[in-house]
Amino acid sequence: MGDDGLQADDGRPLADRLRPRTLADFAGQAHLVGEGAPLARLAANGRMHSMILWGPPGSGKTTLARLLADHAGLGWISLSAVLAGVKDVREAVRSAEAARRLGQGTALFVDEVHRFNKAQQDAFLPHVERGVVTFVGATTENPSFEVNAALLSRARVHVLKALDAEALGKVLGRAANTLGVAVDGDAAALLIDLADGDARRLLNLLETVAQLGGDQIDQGLVEQAAPARKRRFDKGGDLFYEQISALHKAVRGSAVDAALYWFCRMLDGGCEPLYIARRLVRMA
């Protein structure tokens, strides 16, 4: 680890090496970790409760969970709902029980918890109730629809937001310093725009550009190396329906500029044009 607390370059992606080590280095989510905010107070008291962290990709769910566990002095077990099954949950619980006998609590983090079915989610309940684990589920989907009511009743939901330009600028500055590159103002603005609120995407973009362009990064180099911008659009989750609803409301209200904005935003994000056409016919 370097003098600045960052992980040394050992071949891992920049996004992984640059994970904050303290809440002070955590970018964004001031409503949760800013001065006097709920999770900041929790960390200051060395406490942690079971929770669901709901937010878009790259908003810091995994990092925030890990930092809270560290502040609370808890051990850490991480599972991905994409890869894990009930057997993996049982093994994790056995490890947590063994740690508990030694006086050590455990935070059990489940990434993309919405990918687990009802039976798999139910497997956590007795262990959360007995205090064997402090459960932390991360999801990009609305937990009210994707997480069992029984599990929801035992965890608090904290909503994370897509990172704004200021937070992404902070991430970019630290990353550029770590890589030893100079990013001019226009290039920085373009990288932040391309990231679309996603810190992981920003870091991956910067790393790609830096590998191609040496230690001086300008807008032209970013344009050459970066993929075309795609707005956030999940084609089936909350954001999908929110944008359709916004288009409907704009058309009904005869708000021409707003209707055109949402129409173009959906196309830019990758929505099927024929689907939008069918919706417009129904509106008419």
Protein backbone atom coordinates (compact mmCIF):
# COMPACT_ATOMS: atom_id res chain seq x y z
CA MET A 1 0.00 0.00 0.00
CA GLY A 2 1.29 3.45 -0.86
CA ASP A 3 1.82 6.38 1.45
CA ASP A 4 -1.57 7.81 0.48
CA GLY A 5 -3.37 4.71 1.69
CA LEU A 6 -4.09 3.43 -1.82
CA GLN A 7 -3.55 -0.14 -2.86
CA ALA A 8 -0.39 -0.71 -4.88
CA ASP A 9 -0.69 -1.57 -8.59
CA ASP A 10 -0.86 -5.37 -8.51
CA GLY A 11 -2.72 -5.91 -11.76
CA ARG A 12 -6.19 -5.26 -10.41
CA PRO A 13 -8.48 -2.73 -12.13
CA LEU A 14 -8.06 0.86 -11.02
CA ALA A 15 -11.61 0.90 -9.64
CA ASP A 16 -10.66 -1.84 -7.20
CA ARG A 17 -7.28 -0.39 -6.23
CA LEU A 18 -8.77 3.05 -5.61
CA ARG A 19 -11.50 1.96 -3.19
CA PRO A 20 -11.61 4.47 -0.30
CA ARG A 21 -10.12 3.33 2.99
CA THR A 22 -12.08 5.80 5.14
CA LEU A 23 -15.46 7.52 4.98
CA ALA A 24 -13.63 10.83 4.57
CA ASP A 25 -12.40 9.61 1.17
CA PHE A 26 -15.84 8.35 0.11
CA ALA A 27 -17.22 10.44 -2.76
CA GLY A 28 -20.86 11.49 -2.88
CA GLN A 29 -23.88 10.33 -0.86
CA ALA A 30 -23.68 13.29 1.53
CA HIS A 31 -27.27 12.57 2.60
CA LEU A 32 -25.98 9.30 4.08
CA VAL A 33 -22.36 9.92 5.08
CA GLY A 34 -22.05 13.71 5.31
CA GLU A 35 -21.70 15.47 8.64
CA GLY A 36 -24.59 14.48 10.91
CA ALA A 37 -26.06 12.07 8.31
CA PRO A 38 -27.45 8.69 9.48
CA LEU A 39 -24.66 6.37 8.34
CA ALA A 40 -21.97 8.83 9.39
CA ARG A 41 -23.38 8.81 12.93
CA LEU A 42 -23.61 5.02 12.83
CA ALA A 43 -19.96 4.74 11.84
CA ALA A 44 -18.87 7.27 14.46
CA ASN A 45 -20.54 5.14 17.13
CA GLY A 46 -18.92 1.94 15.83
CA ARG A 47 -22.31 0.41 15.12
CA MET A 48 -23.92 -1.26 12.13
CA HIS A 49 -27.41 -2.59 11.49
CA SER A 50 -28.78 -4.90 8.81
CA MET A 51 -29.55 -2.86 5.72
CA ILE A 52 -30.41 -2.80 2.05
CA LEU A 53 -28.34 -0.40 -0.06
CA TRP A 54 -30.35 0.57 -3.13
CA GLY A 55 -28.72 2.57 -5.88
CA PRO A 56 -27.48 2.60 -9.47
CA PRO A 57 -24.25 0.89 -10.58
CA GLY A 58 -21.08 2.64 -9.49
CA SER A 59 -22.73 4.63 -6.71
CA GLY A 60 -20.58 3.07 -3.98
CA LYS A 61 -22.79 0.38 -2.43
CA THR A 62 -20.06 -2.22 -1.91
CA THR A 63 -17.49 0.31 -0.76
CA LEU A 64 -19.88 1.94 1.70
CA ALA A 65 -20.87 -1.41 3.19
CA ARG A 66 -17.22 -2.39 3.64
CA LEU A 67 -16.34 0.92 5.29
CA LEU A 68 -19.26 0.64 7.71
CA ALA A 69 -18.23 -2.90 8.62
CA ASP A 70 -14.66 -1.73 9.26
CA HIS A 71 -15.86 1.11 11.50
CA ALA A 72 -18.01 -1.35 13.45
CA GLY A 73 -15.15 -3.82 13.83
CA LEU A 74 -17.03 -6.56 12.01
CA GLY A 75 -15.61 -9.37 9.95
CA TRP A 76 -16.54 -9.39 6.27
CA ILE A 77 -18.06 -12.09 4.10
CA SER A 78 -19.12 -11.20 0.57
CA LEU A 79 -21.40 -13.17 -1.75
CA SER A 80 -22.70 -12.44 -5.23
CA ALA A 81 -26.29 -13.48 -5.83
CA VAL A 82 -25.34 -14.09 -9.46
CA LEU A 83 -22.93 -16.87 -8.50
CA ALA A 84 -23.93 -18.05 -5.01
CA GLY A 85 -26.65 -20.45 -3.89
CA VAL A 86 -28.12 -21.67 -0.62
CA LYS A 87 -25.06 -23.88 -0.05
CA ASP A 88 -22.81 -20.82 -0.18
CA VAL A 89 -25.09 -19.00 2.26
CA ARG A 90 -24.86 -21.91 4.69
CA GLU A 91 -21.06 -21.95 4.46
CA ALA A 92 -20.97 -18.21 5.09
CA VAL A 93 -23.21 -18.60 8.13
CA ARG A 94 -21.01 -21.39 9.51
CA SER A 95 -18.00 -19.09 9.22
CA ALA A 96 -19.94 -16.30 10.96
CA GLU A 97 -21.01 -18.64 13.76
CA ALA A 98 -17.40 -19.74 14.30
CA ALA A 99 -16.31 -16.10 14.47
CA ARG A 100 -19.14 -15.32 16.87
CA ARG A 101 -17.92 -17.98 19.30
CA LEU A 102 -14.64 -16.07 19.37
CA GLY A 103 -16.45 -12.80 20.06
CA GLN A 104 -16.23 -11.48 16.51
CA GLY A 105 -19.31 -10.17 14.68
CA THR A 106 -19.71 -10.56 10.92
CA ALA A 107 -21.18 -8.43 8.16
CA LEU A 108 -22.59 -10.64 5.41
CA PHE A 109 -22.71 -8.66 2.17
CA VAL A 110 -24.83 -9.93 -0.72
CA ASP A 111 -24.33 -8.13 -4.00
CA GLU A 112 -27.31 -7.98 -6.37
CA VAL A 113 -29.53 -9.52 -3.71
CA HIS A 114 -32.55 -9.08 -6.02
CA ARG A 115 -31.14 -11.97 -8.10
CA PHE A 116 -31.90 -14.40 -5.26
CA ASN A 117 -35.30 -16.08 -5.37
CA LYS A 118 -37.69 -16.21 -2.41
CA ALA A 119 -36.26 -19.43 -0.99
CA GLN A 120 -32.71 -18.12 -1.18
CA GLN A 121 -33.65 -14.85 0.49
CA ASP A 122 -35.56 -16.72 3.20
CA ALA A 123 -32.37 -18.60 4.06
CA PHE A 124 -30.97 -15.44 5.68
CA LEU A 125 -33.89 -14.82 8.04
CA PRO A 126 -33.07 -17.06 11.03
CA HIS A 127 -29.45 -15.94 11.07
CA VAL A 128 -30.36 -12.26 10.94
CA GLU A 129 -32.91 -12.78 13.72
CA ARG A 130 -30.36 -14.55 15.94
CA GLY A 131 -27.75 -11.90 15.31
CA VAL A 132 -25.30 -14.33 13.75
CA VAL A 133 -24.77 -11.91 10.87
CA THR A 134 -25.39 -8.27 10.13
CA PHE A 135 -26.99 -8.56 6.72
CA VAL A 136 -26.21 -6.06 3.96
CA GLY A 137 -27.89 -6.47 0.60
CA ALA A 138 -26.96 -4.34 -2.40
CA THR A 139 -29.41 -3.88 -5.26
CA THR A 140 -30.03 -1.73 -8.30
CA GLU A 141 -33.74 -2.59 -8.22
CA ASN A 142 -36.54 -1.30 -6.00
CA PRO A 143 -36.34 -3.51 -2.88
CA SER A 144 -40.06 -3.10 -2.27
CA PHE A 145 -40.62 -5.31 -5.31
CA GLU A 146 -37.47 -7.43 -5.41
CA VAL A 147 -36.71 -8.23 -1.75
CA ASN A 148 -38.97 -10.36 0.44
CA ALA A 149 -41.11 -8.45 2.89
CA ALA A 150 -39.82 -10.61 5.75
CA LEU A 151 -36.21 -9.70 4.98
CA LEU A 152 -37.11 -6.06 4.37
CA SER A 153 -38.73 -5.84 7.80
CA ARG A 154 -35.42 -6.83 9.38
CA ALA A 155 -33.28 -4.37 7.44
CA ARG A 156 -33.31 -0.64 6.83
CA VAL A 157 -33.29 0.62 3.26
CA HIS A 158 -30.76 3.33 2.39
CA VAL A 159 -30.99 4.90 -1.06
CA LEU A 160 -27.80 5.86 -2.89
CA LYS A 161 -27.86 8.32 -5.78
CA ALA A 162 -25.90 8.44 -9.01
CA LEU A 163 -22.80 10.54 -8.38
CA ASP A 164 -22.95 14.18 -9.43
CA ALA A 165 -20.20 16.03 -11.30
CA GLU A 166 -18.57 17.28 -8.09
CA ALA A 167 -18.27 13.79 -6.61
CA LEU A 168 -17.02 12.34 -9.90
CA GLY A 169 -14.49 15.17 -10.12
CA LYS A 170 -13.14 14.16 -6.71
CA VAL A 171 -12.82 10.55 -7.85
CA LEU A 172 -11.15 11.61 -11.09
CA GLY A 173 -8.62 13.80 -9.28
CA ARG A 174 -7.55 11.00 -6.94
CA ALA A 175 -7.34 8.55 -9.83
CA ALA A 176 -5.27 10.86 -12.02
CA ASN A 177 -2.88 11.44 -9.14
CA THR A 178 -2.57 7.70 -8.58
CA LEU A 179 -1.86 7.02 -12.26
CA GLY A 180 0.51 9.97 -12.52
CA VAL A 181 -1.36 11.56 -15.42
CA ALA A 182 -2.48 15.12 -16.14
CA VAL A 183 -6.08 15.48 -17.34
CA ASP A 184 -6.98 18.84 -18.88
CA GLY A 185 -10.29 20.54 -18.11
CA ASP A 186 -12.08 19.58 -21.33
CA ALA A 187 -10.99 15.95 -21.03
CA ALA A 188 -12.12 15.84 -17.40
CA ALA A 189 -15.53 17.26 -18.31
CA LEU A 190 -15.95 14.70 -21.09
CA LEU A 191 -14.90 11.79 -18.88
CA ILE A 192 -17.38 12.88 -16.20
CA ASP A 193 -20.13 13.21 -18.81
CA LEU A 194 -19.38 9.77 -20.25
CA ALA A 195 -19.44 8.22 -16.78
CA ASP A 196 -23.13 9.17 -16.33
CA GLY A 197 -22.96 9.14 -12.54
CA ASP A 198 -21.03 5.85 -12.33
CA ALA A 199 -17.67 6.07 -10.52
CA ARG A 200 -16.60 2.61 -11.67
CA ARG A 201 -17.25 3.52 -15.29
CA LEU A 202 -15.29 6.75 -14.84
CA LEU A 203 -12.26 4.92 -13.46
CA ASN A 204 -12.36 2.25 -16.15
CA LEU A 205 -12.55 4.95 -18.83
CA LEU A 206 -9.64 6.87 -17.34
CA GLU A 207 -7.53 3.74 -17.06
CA THR A 208 -8.22 2.85 -20.70
CA VAL A 209 -7.33 6.35 -21.90
CA ALA A 210 -4.19 6.48 -19.75
CA GLN A 211 -2.95 3.19 -21.18
CA LEU A 212 -3.18 4.66 -24.68
CA GLY A 213 -2.06 8.22 -24.16
CA GLY A 214 0.83 8.42 -21.77
CA ASP A 215 0.83 11.03 -19.01
CA GLN A 216 -1.02 13.86 -20.83
CA ILE A 217 -4.75 13.37 -21.45
CA ASP A 218 -6.74 15.82 -23.55
CA GLN A 219 -10.25 15.81 -25.00
CA GLY A 220 -9.14 14.42 -28.36
CA LEU A 221 -7.54 11.41 -26.74
CA VAL A 222 -10.66 10.71 -24.69
CA GLU A 223 -12.81 10.93 -27.82
CA GLN A 224 -10.55 8.45 -29.60
CA ALA A 225 -10.38 5.94 -26.77
CA ALA A 226 -13.80 6.15 -25.12
CA PRO A 227 -16.96 4.42 -26.35
CA ALA A 228 -19.97 6.42 -27.48
CA ARG A 229 -21.96 7.79 -24.56
CA LYS A 230 -24.99 5.81 -23.49
CA ARG A 231 -27.39 7.27 -20.96
CA ARG A 232 -28.50 5.17 -18.02
CA PHE A 233 -31.47 3.05 -19.11
CA ASP A 234 -32.22 -0.39 -17.66
CA LYS A 235 -34.90 -1.67 -20.06
CA GLY A 236 -37.08 -3.20 -17.38
CA GLY A 237 -36.41 -1.74 -13.95
CA ASP A 238 -37.62 1.38 -12.20
CA LEU A 239 -35.73 3.76 -14.48
CA PHE A 240 -37.40 2.27 -17.54
CA TYR A 241 -40.88 2.92 -16.21
CA GLU A 242 -39.96 6.31 -14.78
CA GLN A 243 -38.84 7.52 -18.20
CA ILE A 244 -41.92 6.12 -19.94
CA SER A 245 -44.08 7.84 -17.33
CA ALA A 246 -42.21 11.11 -17.84
CA LEU A 247 -42.77 10.90 -21.60
CA HIS A 248 -46.50 10.23 -21.09
CA LYS A 249 -46.88 13.18 -18.72
CA ALA A 250 -45.00 15.53 -21.03
CA VAL A 251 -47.17 14.59 -24.02
CA ARG A 252 -50.40 14.84 -22.02
CA GLY A 253 -49.35 18.23 -20.69
CA SER A 254 -48.39 19.50 -24.17
CA ALA A 255 -44.86 20.15 -22.90
CA VAL A 256 -43.10 19.95 -26.25
CA ASP A 257 -39.52 20.42 -25.04
CA ALA A 258 -39.94 17.92 -22.20
CA ALA A 259 -41.55 15.36 -24.49
CA LEU A 260 -38.70 15.66 -26.97
CA TYR A 261 -36.15 15.39 -24.16
CA TRP A 262 -37.57 12.14 -22.79
CA PHE A 263 -38.09 10.77 -26.30
CA CYS A 264 -34.44 11.39 -27.17
CA ARG A 265 -33.21 10.26 -23.74
CA MET A 266 -34.87 6.87 -24.19
CA LEU A 267 -33.49 6.45 -27.71
CA ASP A 268 -30.02 7.51 -26.55
CA GLY A 269 -30.17 4.97 -23.74
CA GLY A 270 -30.90 2.09 -26.11
CA CYS A 271 -34.67 1.72 -25.89
CA GLU A 272 -36.18 -0.12 -28.86
CA PRO A 273 -37.52 2.56 -31.28
CA LEU A 274 -40.56 0.45 -32.20
CA TYR A 275 -41.51 0.24 -28.52
CA ILE A 276 -41.46 4.03 -28.24
CA ALA A 277 -43.47 4.30 -31.46
CA ARG A 278 -46.14 1.97 -30.06
CA ARG A 279 -46.33 4.02 -26.86
CA LEU A 280 -46.77 7.22 -28.85
CA VAL A 281 -49.60 5.66 -30.87
CA ARG A 282 -51.35 4.68 -27.64
CA MET A 283 -50.92 8.18 -26.26
CA ALA A 284 -52.54 9.60 -29.37
